[in-house]
PDB file of all heavy atoms in Angstrom:
ATOM      1  N   TRP A   1     -40.365   8.240 -81.365  1.00  0.00           N
ATOM      2  CA  TRP A   1     -39.118   7.514 -81.585  1.00  0.00           C
ATOM      3  C   TRP A   1     -38.576   6.952 -80.266  1.00  0.00           C
ATOM      4  O   TRP A   1     -37.765   6.037 -80.265  1.00  0.00           O
ATOM      5  CB  TRP A   1     -38.065   8.425 -82.228  1.00  0.00           C
ATOM      6  CG  TRP A   1     -38.274   8.643 -83.695  1.00  0.00           C
ATOM      7  CD1 TRP A   1     -38.813   9.734 -84.308  1.00  0.00           C
ATOM      8  CD2 TRP A   1     -37.954   7.718 -84.745  1.00  0.00           C
ATOM      9  NE1 TRP A   1     -38.839   9.563 -85.676  1.00  0.00           N
ATOM     10  CE2 TRP A   1     -38.318   8.336 -85.969  1.00  0.00           C
ATOM     11  CE3 TRP A   1     -37.391   6.440 -84.780  1.00  0.00           C
ATOM     12  CZ2 TRP A   1     -38.137   7.714 -87.207  1.00  0.00           C
ATOM     13  CZ3 TRP A   1     -37.207   5.812 -86.011  1.00  0.00           C
ATOM     14  CH2 TRP A   1     -37.585   6.453 -87.203  1.00  0.00           C
ATOM     15  N   LYS A   2     -38.980   7.553 -79.145  1.00  0.00           N
ATOM     16  CA  LYS A   2     -38.600   7.071 -77.804  1.00  0.00           C
ATOM     17  C   LYS A   2     -37.081   6.907 -77.680  1.00  0.00           C
ATOM     18  O   LYS A   2     -36.588   5.940 -77.101  1.00  0.00           O
ATOM     19  CB  LYS A   2     -39.294   5.740 -77.493  1.00  0.00           C
ATOM     20  CG  LYS A   2     -40.812   5.826 -77.456  1.00  0.00           C
ATOM     21  CD  LYS A   2     -41.454   4.473 -77.215  1.00  0.00           C
ATOM     22  CE  LYS A   2     -41.299   3.566 -78.422  1.00  0.00           C
ATOM     23  NZ  LYS A   2     -42.065   2.305 -78.305  1.00  0.00           N
ATOM     24  N   ALA A   3     -36.348   7.888 -78.205  1.00  0.00           N
ATOM     25  CA  ALA A   3     -34.896   7.743 -78.268  1.00  0.00           C
ATOM     26  C   ALA A   3     -34.142   8.852 -77.544  1.00  0.00           C
ATOM     27  O   ALA A   3     -32.909   8.864 -77.549  1.00  0.00           O
ATOM     28  CB  ALA A   3     -34.451   7.704 -79.735  1.00  0.00           C
ATOM     29  N   ASN A   4     -34.858   9.777 -76.933  1.00  0.00           N
ATOM     30  CA  ASN A   4     -34.211  10.861 -76.202  1.00  0.00           C
ATOM     31  C   ASN A   4     -33.911  10.362 -74.791  1.00  0.00           C
ATOM     32  O   ASN A   4     -34.805  10.235 -73.959  1.00  0.00           O
ATOM     33  CB  ASN A   4     -35.132  12.086 -76.172  1.00  0.00           C
ATOM     34  CG  ASN A   4     -34.427  13.324 -75.666  1.00  0.00           C
ATOM     35  OD1 ASN A   4     -33.473  13.245 -74.915  1.00  0.00           O
ATOM     36  ND2 ASN A   4     -34.916  14.475 -76.084  1.00  0.00           N
ATOM     37  N   THR A   5     -32.647  10.077 -74.513  1.00  0.00           N
ATOM     38  CA  THR A   5     -32.294   9.388 -73.272  1.00  0.00           C
ATOM     39  C   THR A   5     -31.973  10.316 -72.110  1.00  0.00           C
ATOM     40  O   THR A   5     -31.844   9.843 -70.972  1.00  0.00           O
ATOM     41  CB  THR A   5     -31.075   8.474 -73.481  1.00  0.00           C
ATOM     42  OG1 THR A   5     -29.974   9.259 -73.949  1.00  0.00           O
ATOM     43  CG2 THR A   5     -31.382   7.372 -74.477  1.00  0.00           C
ATOM     44  N   SER A   6     -31.807  11.609 -72.338  1.00  0.00           N
ATOM     45  CA  SER A   6     -31.307  12.436 -71.233  1.00  0.00           C
ATOM     46  C   SER A   6     -32.145  13.673 -70.947  1.00  0.00           C
ATOM     47  O   SER A   6     -31.763  14.479 -70.105  1.00  0.00           O
ATOM     48  CB  SER A   6     -29.862  12.876 -71.523  1.00  0.00           C
ATOM     49  OG  SER A   6     -29.802  13.700 -72.664  1.00  0.00           O
ATOM     50  N   ASN A   7     -33.290  13.820 -71.624  1.00  0.00           N
ATOM     51  CA  ASN A   7     -33.988  15.096 -71.516  1.00  0.00           C
ATOM     52  C   ASN A   7     -35.463  14.995 -71.160  1.00  0.00           C
ATOM     53  O   ASN A   7     -36.161  14.083 -71.587  1.00  0.00           O
ATOM     54  CB  ASN A   7     -33.925  15.843 -72.863  1.00  0.00           C
ATOM     55  CG  ASN A   7     -32.525  16.248 -73.226  1.00  0.00           C
ATOM     56  OD1 ASN A   7     -31.827  16.849 -72.433  1.00  0.00           O
ATOM     57  ND2 ASN A   7     -32.115  15.918 -74.439  1.00  0.00           N
ATOM     58  N   ASN A   8     -35.912  16.001 -70.427  1.00  0.00           N
ATOM     59  CA  ASN A   8     -37.328  16.351 -70.377  1.00  0.00           C
ATOM     60  C   ASN A   8     -37.593  17.337 -71.500  1.00  0.00           C
ATOM     61  O   ASN A   8     -36.671  17.946 -72.043  1.00  0.00           O
ATOM     62  CB  ASN A   8     -37.681  17.017 -69.043  1.00  0.00           C
ATOM     63  CG  ASN A   8     -37.237  16.202 -67.853  1.00  0.00           C
ATOM     64  OD1 ASN A   8     -37.413  14.992 -67.827  1.00  0.00           O
ATOM     65  ND2 ASN A   8     -36.659  16.865 -66.863  1.00  0.00           N
ATOM     66  N   THR A   9     -38.860  17.543 -71.827  1.00  0.00           N
ATOM     67  CA  THR A   9     -39.214  18.488 -72.876  1.00  0.00           C
ATOM     68  C   THR A   9     -40.332  19.402 -72.400  1.00  0.00           C
ATOM     69  O   THR A   9     -41.362  18.935 -71.912  1.00  0.00           O
ATOM     70  CB  THR A   9     -39.684  17.757 -74.152  1.00  0.00           C
ATOM     71  OG1 THR A   9     -38.650  16.868 -74.601  1.00  0.00           O
ATOM     72  CG2 THR A   9     -39.999  18.757 -75.259  1.00  0.00           C
ATOM     73  N   VAL A  10     -40.115  20.708 -72.541  1.00  0.00           N
ATOM     74  CA  VAL A  10     -41.151  21.715 -72.318  1.00  0.00           C
ATOM     75  C   VAL A  10     -41.502  22.285 -73.691  1.00  0.00           C
ATOM     76  O   VAL A  10     -40.621  22.673 -74.452  1.00  0.00           O
ATOM     77  CB  VAL A  10     -40.661  22.829 -71.376  1.00  0.00           C
ATOM     78  CG1 VAL A  10     -41.765  23.851 -71.131  1.00  0.00           C
ATOM     79  CG2 VAL A  10     -40.187  22.235 -70.051  1.00  0.00           C
ATOM     80  N   TYR A  11     -42.803  22.360 -73.997  1.00  0.00           N
ATOM     81  CA  TYR A  11     -43.260  22.632 -75.370  1.00  0.00           C
ATOM     82  C   TYR A  11     -44.353  23.701 -75.368  1.00  0.00           C
ATOM     83  O   TYR A  11     -45.165  23.780 -74.434  1.00  0.00           O
ATOM     84  CB  TYR A  11     -43.798  21.332 -75.966  1.00  0.00           C
ATOM     85  CG  TYR A  11     -44.547  21.456 -77.271  1.00  0.00           C
ATOM     86  CD1 TYR A  11     -43.903  21.259 -78.482  1.00  0.00           C
ATOM     87  CD2 TYR A  11     -45.915  21.753 -77.289  1.00  0.00           C
ATOM     88  CE1 TYR A  11     -44.598  21.353 -79.693  1.00  0.00           C
ATOM     89  CE2 TYR A  11     -46.609  21.851 -78.490  1.00  0.00           C
ATOM     90  CZ  TYR A  11     -45.954  21.656 -79.687  1.00  0.00           C
ATOM     91  OH  TYR A  11     -46.637  21.749 -80.869  1.00  0.00           O
ATOM     92  N   ALA A  12     -44.377  24.505 -76.437  1.00  0.00           N
ATOM     93  CA  ALA A  12     -45.489  25.439 -76.679  1.00  0.00           C
ATOM     94  C   ALA A  12     -45.647  25.617 -78.180  1.00  0.00           C
ATOM     95  O   ALA A  12     -44.688  25.432 -78.945  1.00  0.00           O
ATOM     96  CB  ALA A  12     -45.228  26.787 -76.008  1.00  0.00           C
ATOM     97  N   ASP A  13     -46.875  25.970 -78.633  1.00  0.00           N
ATOM     98  CA  ASP A  13     -47.057  26.153 -80.079  1.00  0.00           C
ATOM     99  C   ASP A  13     -48.038  27.281 -80.403  1.00  0.00           C
ATOM    100  O   ASP A  13     -48.626  27.909 -79.510  1.00  0.00           O
ATOM    101  CB  ASP A  13     -47.458  24.838 -80.751  1.00  0.00           C
ATOM    102  CG  ASP A  13     -48.849  24.333 -80.371  1.00  0.00           C
ATOM    103  OD1 ASP A  13     -49.719  25.140 -80.001  1.00  0.00           O
ATOM    104  OD2 ASP A  13     -49.068  23.097 -80.441  1.00  0.00           O
ATOM    105  N   ASN A  14     -48.198  27.522 -81.702  1.00  0.00           N
ATOM    106  CA  ASN A  14     -49.010  28.661 -82.160  1.00  0.00           C
ATOM    107  C   ASN A  14     -50.510  28.387 -82.132  1.00  0.00           C
ATOM    108  O   ASN A  14     -51.303  29.258 -82.500  1.00  0.00           O
ATOM    109  CB  ASN A  14     -48.571  29.108 -83.559  1.00  0.00           C
ATOM    110  CG  ASN A  14     -48.731  28.023 -84.618  1.00  0.00           C
ATOM    111  OD1 ASN A  14     -49.216  26.931 -84.333  1.00  0.00           O
ATOM    112  ND2 ASN A  14     -48.316  28.324 -85.841  1.00  0.00           N
ATOM    113  N   LYS A  15     -50.897  27.204 -81.698  1.00  0.00           N
ATOM    114  CA  LYS A  15     -52.323  26.916 -81.496  1.00  0.00           C
ATOM    115  C   LYS A  15     -52.699  27.057 -80.017  1.00  0.00           C
ATOM    116  O   LYS A  15     -53.831  26.765 -79.637  1.00  0.00           O
ATOM    117  CB  LYS A  15     -52.651  25.493 -81.990  1.00  0.00           C
ATOM    118  CG  LYS A  15     -52.441  25.305 -83.491  1.00  0.00           C
ATOM    119  CD  LYS A  15     -53.423  26.156 -84.300  1.00  0.00           C
ATOM    120  CE  LYS A  15     -53.364  25.825 -85.780  1.00  0.00           C
ATOM    121  NZ  LYS A  15     -52.105  26.272 -86.422  1.00  0.00           N
ATOM    122  N   GLY A  16     -51.741  27.475 -79.214  1.00  0.00           N
ATOM    123  CA  GLY A  16     -52.003  27.679 -77.797  1.00  0.00           C
ATOM    124  C   GLY A  16     -51.743  26.477 -76.921  1.00  0.00           C
ATOM    125  O   GLY A  16     -52.006  26.513 -75.712  1.00  0.00           O
ATOM    126  N   ASN A  17     -51.227  25.392 -77.498  1.00  0.00           N
ATOM    127  CA  ASN A  17     -50.926  24.198 -76.697  1.00  0.00           C
ATOM    128  C   ASN A  17     -49.635  24.388 -75.903  1.00  0.00           C
ATOM    129  O   ASN A  17     -48.667  24.988 -76.395  1.00  0.00           O
ATOM    130  CB  ASN A  17     -50.746  22.978 -77.606  1.00  0.00           C
ATOM    131  CG  ASN A  17     -52.010  22.622 -78.347  1.00  0.00           C
ATOM    132  OD1 ASN A  17     -53.042  22.372 -77.735  1.00  0.00           O
ATOM    133  ND2 ASN A  17     -51.942  22.598 -79.675  1.00  0.00           N
ATOM    134  N   ILE A  18     -49.614  23.866 -74.698  1.00  0.00           N
ATOM    135  CA  ILE A  18     -48.378  23.723 -73.942  1.00  0.00           C
ATOM    136  C   ILE A  18     -48.317  22.282 -73.447  1.00  0.00           C
ATOM    137  O   ILE A  18     -49.349  21.637 -73.234  1.00  0.00           O
ATOM    138  CB  ILE A  18     -48.263  24.718 -72.769  1.00  0.00           C
ATOM    139  CG1 ILE A  18     -49.375  24.500 -71.732  1.00  0.00           C
ATOM    140  CG2 ILE A  18     -48.265  26.149 -73.275  1.00  0.00           C
ATOM    141  CD1 ILE A  18     -49.191  25.340 -70.463  1.00  0.00           C
ATOM    142  N   ALA A  19     -47.109  21.758 -73.291  1.00  0.00           N
ATOM    143  CA  ALA A  19     -46.978  20.341 -72.925  1.00  0.00           C
ATOM    144  C   ALA A  19     -45.655  20.099 -72.221  1.00  0.00           C
ATOM    145  O   ALA A  19     -44.705  20.885 -72.344  1.00  0.00           O
ATOM    146  CB  ALA A  19     -47.073  19.459 -74.173  1.00  0.00           C
ATOM    147  N   TYR A  20     -45.623  18.980 -71.498  1.00  0.00           N
ATOM    148  CA  TYR A  20     -44.408  18.563 -70.806  1.00  0.00           C
ATOM    149  C   TYR A  20     -44.296  17.044 -70.860  1.00  0.00           C
ATOM    150  O   TYR A  20     -45.277  16.326 -70.625  1.00  0.00           O
ATOM    151  CB  TYR A  20     -44.435  19.009 -69.337  1.00  0.00           C
ATOM    152  CG  TYR A  20     -43.251  18.502 -68.551  1.00  0.00           C
ATOM    153  CD1 TYR A  20     -42.008  19.101 -68.689  1.00  0.00           C
ATOM    154  CD2 TYR A  20     -43.372  17.403 -67.691  1.00  0.00           C
ATOM    155  CE1 TYR A  20     -40.914  18.629 -67.991  1.00  0.00           C
ATOM    156  CE2 TYR A  20     -42.275  16.928 -66.986  1.00  0.00           C
ATOM    157  CZ  TYR A  20     -41.050  17.538 -67.142  1.00  0.00           C
ATOM    158  OH  TYR A  20     -39.966  17.069 -66.463  1.00  0.00           O
ATOM    159  N   TRP A  21     -43.106  16.565 -71.206  1.00  0.00           N
ATOM    160  CA  TRP A  21     -42.795  15.137 -71.149  1.00  0.00           C
ATOM    161  C   TRP A  21     -41.594  14.940 -70.239  1.00  0.00           C
ATOM    162  O   TRP A  21     -40.560  15.601 -70.419  1.00  0.00           O
ATOM    163  CB  TRP A  21     -42.448  14.581 -72.529  1.00  0.00           C
ATOM    164  CG  TRP A  21     -43.555  14.546 -73.525  1.00  0.00           C
ATOM    165  CD1 TRP A  21     -44.419  13.515 -73.769  1.00  0.00           C
ATOM    166  CD2 TRP A  21     -43.909  15.581 -74.460  1.00  0.00           C
ATOM    167  NE1 TRP A  21     -45.273  13.832 -74.787  1.00  0.00           N
ATOM    168  CE2 TRP A  21     -44.995  15.100 -75.234  1.00  0.00           C
ATOM    169  CE3 TRP A  21     -43.426  16.866 -74.729  1.00  0.00           C
ATOM    170  CZ2 TRP A  21     -45.593  15.848 -76.244  1.00  0.00           C
ATOM    171  CZ3 TRP A  21     -44.016  17.625 -75.717  1.00  0.00           C
ATOM    172  CH2 TRP A  21     -45.088  17.114 -76.466  1.00  0.00           C
ATOM    173  N   HIS A  22     -41.697  14.033 -69.286  1.00  0.00           N
ATOM    174  CA  HIS A  22     -40.578  13.747 -68.385  1.00  0.00           C
ATOM    175  C   HIS A  22     -39.803  12.569 -68.947  1.00  0.00           C
ATOM    176  O   HIS A  22     -40.220  11.415 -68.833  1.00  0.00           O
ATOM    177  CB  HIS A  22     -41.093  13.432 -66.979  1.00  0.00           C
ATOM    178  CG  HIS A  22     -40.025  13.493 -65.926  1.00  0.00           C
ATOM    179  ND1 HIS A  22     -39.479  14.687 -65.497  1.00  0.00           N
ATOM    180  CD2 HIS A  22     -39.392  12.517 -65.226  1.00  0.00           C
ATOM    181  CE1 HIS A  22     -38.576  14.447 -64.571  1.00  0.00           C
ATOM    182  NE2 HIS A  22     -38.488  13.131 -64.392  1.00  0.00           N
ATOM    183  N   GLY A  23     -38.679  12.868 -69.570  1.00  0.00           N
ATOM    184  CA  GLY A  23     -37.919  11.829 -70.252  1.00  0.00           C
ATOM    185  C   GLY A  23     -38.618  11.403 -71.530  1.00  0.00           C
ATOM    186  O   GLY A  23     -39.615  11.974 -71.955  1.00  0.00           O
ATOM    187  N   ASN A  24     -38.090  10.335 -72.148  1.00  0.00           N
ATOM    188  CA  ASN A  24     -38.659   9.836 -73.397  1.00  0.00           C
ATOM    189  C   ASN A  24     -38.280   8.380 -73.628  1.00  0.00           C
ATOM    190  O   ASN A  24     -39.127   7.543 -73.927  1.00  0.00           O
ATOM    191  CB  ASN A  24     -38.202  10.718 -74.563  1.00  0.00           C
ATOM    192  CG  ASN A  24     -38.737  10.282 -75.902  1.00  0.00           C
ATOM    193  OD1 ASN A  24     -37.978   9.953 -76.805  1.00  0.00           O
ATOM    194  ND2 ASN A  24     -40.060  10.284 -76.044  1.00  0.00           N
TER     195      ASN A  24
END
């Protein structure tokens, strides 16, 4: 959606993935 204007995102899930997005 490319609509998150103020945040980075740190992510993890039950399949063992981890991820990071700087802004959006």
